[in-house]
């Protein structure tokens, strides 16, 4: 049985994403915004 994504394809995608600093910064920014919104909602619901 063959994997849905070959190991070399996975390695290639990993390297492409890992070397794309703009992409990584956007992912971190999006995550920070979501975490902040979730934190505000949690604080508001506990007051």
PDB file of N, CA and C in Angstrom:
ATOM      1  N   UNK A   1       0.838  -1.182   0.000  1.00  0.00           N
ATOM      2  CA  UNK A   1       0.000   0.000   0.000  1.00  0.00           C
ATOM      3  C   UNK A   1       0.886   1.249   0.000  1.00  0.00           C
ATOM      4  N   UNK A   2       0.561   2.172  -0.851  1.00  0.00           N
ATOM      5  CA  UNK A   2       1.369   3.385  -0.998  1.00  0.00           C
ATOM      6  C   UNK A   2       0.793   4.512  -0.142  1.00  0.00           C
ATOM      7  N   UNK A   3       1.673   5.287   0.453  1.00  0.00           N
ATOM      8  CA  UNK A   3       1.252   6.454   1.235  1.00  0.00           C
ATOM      9  C   UNK A   3       0.561   7.453   0.316  1.00  0.00           C
ATOM     10  N   UNK A   4      -0.413   8.210   0.843  1.00  0.00           N
ATOM     11  CA  UNK A   4      -1.061   9.226   0.005  1.00  0.00           C
ATOM     12  C   UNK A   4      -0.076  10.302  -0.460  1.00  0.00           C
ATOM     13  N   UNK A   5       0.897  10.610   0.357  1.00  0.00           N
ATOM     14  CA  UNK A   5       1.934  11.578  -0.015  1.00  0.00           C
ATOM     15  C   UNK A   5       3.273  10.892   0.178  1.00  0.00           C
ATOM     16  N   UNK A   6       4.046  10.818  -0.883  1.00  0.00           N
ATOM     17  CA  UNK A   6       5.368  10.184  -0.788  1.00  0.00           C
ATOM     18  C   UNK A   6       6.261  10.973   0.158  1.00  0.00           C
ATOM     19  N   UNK A   7       7.192  10.280   0.752  1.00  0.00           N
ATOM     20  CA  UNK A   7       8.110  10.917   1.702  1.00  0.00           C
ATOM     21  C   UNK A   7       8.869  12.061   1.065  1.00  0.00           C
ATOM     22  N   UNK A   8       9.311  11.892  -0.164  1.00  0.00           N
ATOM     23  CA  UNK A   8      10.069  12.963  -0.818  1.00  0.00           C
ATOM     24  C   UNK A   8       9.187  14.161  -1.098  1.00  0.00           C
ATOM     25  N   UNK A   9       7.887  13.932  -1.401  1.00  0.00           N
ATOM     26  CA  UNK A   9       6.967  15.053  -1.618  1.00  0.00           C
ATOM     27  C   UNK A   9       6.753  15.814  -0.318  1.00  0.00           C
ATOM     28  N   UNK A  10       6.628  15.082   0.758  1.00  0.00           N
ATOM     29  CA  UNK A  10       6.444  15.703   2.067  1.00  0.00           C
ATOM     30  C   UNK A  10       7.675  16.516   2.452  1.00  0.00           C
ATOM     31  N   UNK A  11       8.853  15.958   2.220  1.00  0.00           N
ATOM     32  CA  UNK A  11      10.102  16.663   2.512  1.00  0.00           C
ATOM     33  C   UNK A  11      10.218  17.927   1.661  1.00  0.00           C
ATOM     34  N   UNK A  12       9.837  17.829   0.414  1.00  0.00           N
ATOM     35  CA  UNK A  12       9.891  18.985  -0.488  1.00  0.00           C
ATOM     36  C   UNK A  12       8.953  20.093  -0.011  1.00  0.00           C
ATOM     37  N   UNK A  13       7.736  19.727   0.369  1.00  0.00           N
ATOM     38  CA  UNK A  13       6.777  20.716   0.874  1.00  0.00           C
ATOM     39  C   UNK A  13       7.272  21.330   2.176  1.00  0.00           C
ATOM     40  N   UNK A  14       7.818  20.514   3.061  1.00  0.00           N
ATOM     41  CA  UNK A  14       8.356  21.016   4.324  1.00  0.00           C
ATOM     42  C   UNK A  14       9.436  22.058   4.058  1.00  0.00           C
ATOM     43  N   UNK A  15      10.370  21.727   3.199  1.00  0.00           N
ATOM     44  CA  UNK A  15      11.468  22.654   2.906  1.00  0.00           C
ATOM     45  C   UNK A  15      10.965  23.942   2.273  1.00  0.00           C
ATOM     46  N   UNK A  16       9.988  23.838   1.383  1.00  0.00           N
ATOM     47  CA  UNK A  16       9.445  25.041   0.745  1.00  0.00           C
ATOM     48  C   UNK A  16       8.796  25.950   1.779  1.00  0.00           C
ATOM     49  N   UNK A  17       7.975  25.383   2.667  1.00  0.00           N
ATOM     50  CA  UNK A  17       7.327  26.190   3.708  1.00  0.00           C
ATOM     51  C   UNK A  17       8.346  26.722   4.703  1.00  0.00           C
ATOM     52  N   UNK A  18       9.287  25.894   5.081  1.00  0.00           N
ATOM     53  CA  UNK A  18      10.288  26.280   6.088  1.00  0.00           C
ATOM     54  C   UNK A  18      11.171  27.419   5.598  1.00  0.00           C
ATOM     55  N   UNK A  19      11.417  27.463   4.324  1.00  0.00           N
ATOM     56  CA  UNK A  19      12.278  28.490   3.753  1.00  0.00           C
ATOM     57  C   UNK A  19      11.518  29.740   3.313  1.00  0.00           C
ATOM     58  N   UNK A  20      10.200  29.745   3.470  1.00  0.00           N
ATOM     59  CA  UNK A  20       9.381  30.894   3.066  1.00  0.00           C
ATOM     60  C   UNK A  20       9.082  31.740   4.299  1.00  0.00           C
ATOM     61  N   UNK A  21       9.966  32.693   4.573  1.00  0.00           N
ATOM     62  CA  UNK A  21       9.853  33.499   5.792  1.00  0.00           C
ATOM     63  C   UNK A  21       8.558  34.311   5.828  1.00  0.00           C
ATOM     64  N   UNK A  22       8.130  34.830   4.684  1.00  0.00           N
ATOM     65  CA  UNK A  22       6.889  35.613   4.631  1.00  0.00           C
ATOM     66  C   UNK A  22       5.694  34.737   5.010  1.00  0.00           C
ATOM     67  N   UNK A  23       5.672  33.510   4.510  1.00  0.00           N
ATOM     68  CA  UNK A  23       4.594  32.580   4.836  1.00  0.00           C
ATOM     69  C   UNK A  23       4.579  32.273   6.331  1.00  0.00           C
ATOM     70  N   UNK A  24       5.748  31.978   6.889  1.00  0.00           N
ATOM     71  CA  UNK A  24       5.830  31.656   8.314  1.00  0.00           C
ATOM     72  C   UNK A  24       5.404  32.841   9.176  1.00  0.00           C
ATOM     73  N   UNK A  25       5.814  34.043   8.800  1.00  0.00           N
ATOM     74  CA  UNK A  25       5.405  35.229   9.552  1.00  0.00           C
ATOM     75  C   UNK A  25       3.900  35.426   9.501  1.00  0.00           C
ATOM     76  N   UNK A  26       3.286  35.166   8.348  1.00  0.00           N
ATOM     77  CA  UNK A  26       1.836  35.307   8.226  1.00  0.00           C
ATOM     78  C   UNK A  26       1.120  34.266   9.078  1.00  0.00           C
ATOM     79  N   UNK A  27       1.620  33.044   9.082  1.00  0.00           N
ATOM     80  CA  UNK A  27       1.024  31.985   9.906  1.00  0.00           C
ATOM     81  C   UNK A  27       1.089  32.373  11.382  1.00  0.00           C
ATOM     82  N   UNK A  28       2.239  32.889  11.820  1.00  0.00           N
ATOM     83  CA  UNK A  28       2.381  33.299  13.225  1.00  0.00           C
ATOM     84  C   UNK A  28       1.475  34.482  13.550  1.00  0.00           C
ATOM     85  N   UNK A  29       1.362  35.435  12.631  1.00  0.00           N
ATOM     86  CA  UNK A  29       0.500  36.601  12.843  1.00  0.00           C
ATOM     87  C   UNK A  29      -0.959  36.165  12.957  1.00  0.00           C
ATOM     88  N   UNK A  30      -1.394  35.301  12.049  1.00  0.00           N
ATOM     89  CA  UNK A  30      -2.774  34.806  12.085  1.00  0.00           C
ATOM     90  C   UNK A  30      -3.049  34.066  13.389  1.00  0.00           C
ATOM     91  N   UNK A  31      -2.109  33.242  13.813  1.00  0.00           N
ATOM     92  CA  UNK A  31      -2.270  32.499  15.062  1.00  0.00           C
ATOM     93  C   UNK A  31      -2.336  33.420  16.262  1.00  0.00           C
ATOM     94  N   UNK A  32      -1.510  34.456  16.270  1.00  0.00           N
ATOM     95  CA  UNK A  32      -1.511  35.413  17.383  1.00  0.00           C
ATOM     96  C   UNK A  32      -2.833  36.169  17.443  1.00  0.00           C
ATOM     97  N   UNK A  33      -3.361  36.546  16.283  1.00  0.00           N
ATOM     98  CA  UNK A  33      -4.642  37.258  16.251  1.00  0.00           C
ATOM     99  C   UNK A  33      -5.774  36.371  16.766  1.00  0.00           C
ATOM    100  N   UNK A  34      -5.784  35.123  16.356  1.00  0.00           N
ATOM    101  CA  UNK A  34      -6.816  34.188  16.822  1.00  0.00           C
ATOM    102  C   UNK A  34      -6.701  33.952  18.324  1.00  0.00           C
ATOM    103  N   UNK A  35      -5.479  33.801  18.815  1.00  0.00           N
ATOM    104  CA  UNK A  35      -5.271  33.583  20.250  1.00  0.00           C
ATOM    105  C   UNK A  35      -5.707  34.804  21.043  1.00  0.00           C
ATOM    106  N   UNK A  36      -5.418  35.983  20.536  1.00  0.00           N
ATOM    107  CA  UNK A  36      -5.810  37.217  21.218  1.00  0.00           C
ATOM    108  C   UNK A  36      -7.330  37.338  21.278  1.00  0.00           C
ATOM    109  N   UNK A  37      -7.992  37.067  20.170  1.00  0.00           N
ATOM    110  CA  UNK A  37      -9.457  37.140  20.139  1.00  0.00           C
ATOM    111  C   UNK A  37     -10.065  36.130  21.102  1.00  0.00           C
ATOM    112  N   UNK A  38      -9.495  34.948  21.140  1.00  0.00           N
ATOM    113  CA  UNK A  38      -9.993  33.910  22.048  1.00  0.00           C
ATOM    114  C   UNK A  38      -9.778  34.334  23.498  1.00  0.00           C
ATOM    115  N   UNK A  39      -8.637  34.932  23.794  1.00  0.00           N
ATOM    116  CA  UNK A  39      -8.349  35.396  25.147  1.00  0.00           C
ATOM    117  C   UNK A  39      -9.306  36.487  25.585  1.00  0.00           C
ATOM    118  N   UNK A  40      -9.594  37.433  24.693  1.00  0.00           N
ATOM    119  CA  UNK A  40     -10.544  38.509  25.011  1.00  0.00           C
ATOM    120  C   UNK A  40     -11.921  37.917  25.288  1.00  0.00           C
ATOM    121  N   UNK A  41     -12.359  36.995  24.450  1.00  0.00           N
ATOM    122  CA  UNK A  41     -13.670  36.371  24.641  1.00  0.00           C
ATOM    123  C   UNK A  41     -13.728  35.627  25.972  1.00  0.00           C
ATOM    124  N   UNK A  42     -12.659  34.946  26.328  1.00  0.00           N
ATOM    125  CA  UNK A  42     -12.612  34.212  27.594  1.00  0.00           C
ATOM    126  C   UNK A  42     -12.691  35.170  28.773  1.00  0.00           C
ATOM    127  N   UNK A  43     -11.920  36.248  28.709  1.00  0.00           N
ATOM    128  CA  UNK A  43     -11.954  37.237  29.795  1.00  0.00           C
ATOM    129  C   UNK A  43     -13.329  37.883  29.926  1.00  0.00           C
ATOM    130  N   UNK A  44     -13.935  38.234  28.808  1.00  0.00           N
ATOM    131  CA  UNK A  44     -15.252  38.865  28.848  1.00  0.00           C
ATOM    132  C   UNK A  44     -16.309  37.932  29.414  1.00  0.00           C
ATOM    133  N   UNK A  45     -16.212  36.653  29.108  1.00  0.00           N
ATOM    134  CA  UNK A  45     -17.216  35.710  29.598  1.00  0.00           C
ATOM    135  C   UNK A  45     -17.043  35.410  31.084  1.00  0.00           C
ATOM    136  N   UNK A  46     -15.857  35.673  31.617  1.00  0.00           N
ATOM    137  CA  UNK A  46     -15.627  35.376  33.029  1.00  0.00           C
ATOM    138  C   UNK A  46     -15.926  36.572  33.930  1.00  0.00           C
ATOM    139  N   UNK A  47     -16.215  37.710  33.350  1.00  0.00           N
ATOM    140  CA  UNK A  47     -16.506  38.902  34.152  1.00  0.00           C
ATOM    141  C   UNK A  47     -17.973  39.038  34.453  1.00  0.00           C
TER     142      UNK A  47
END
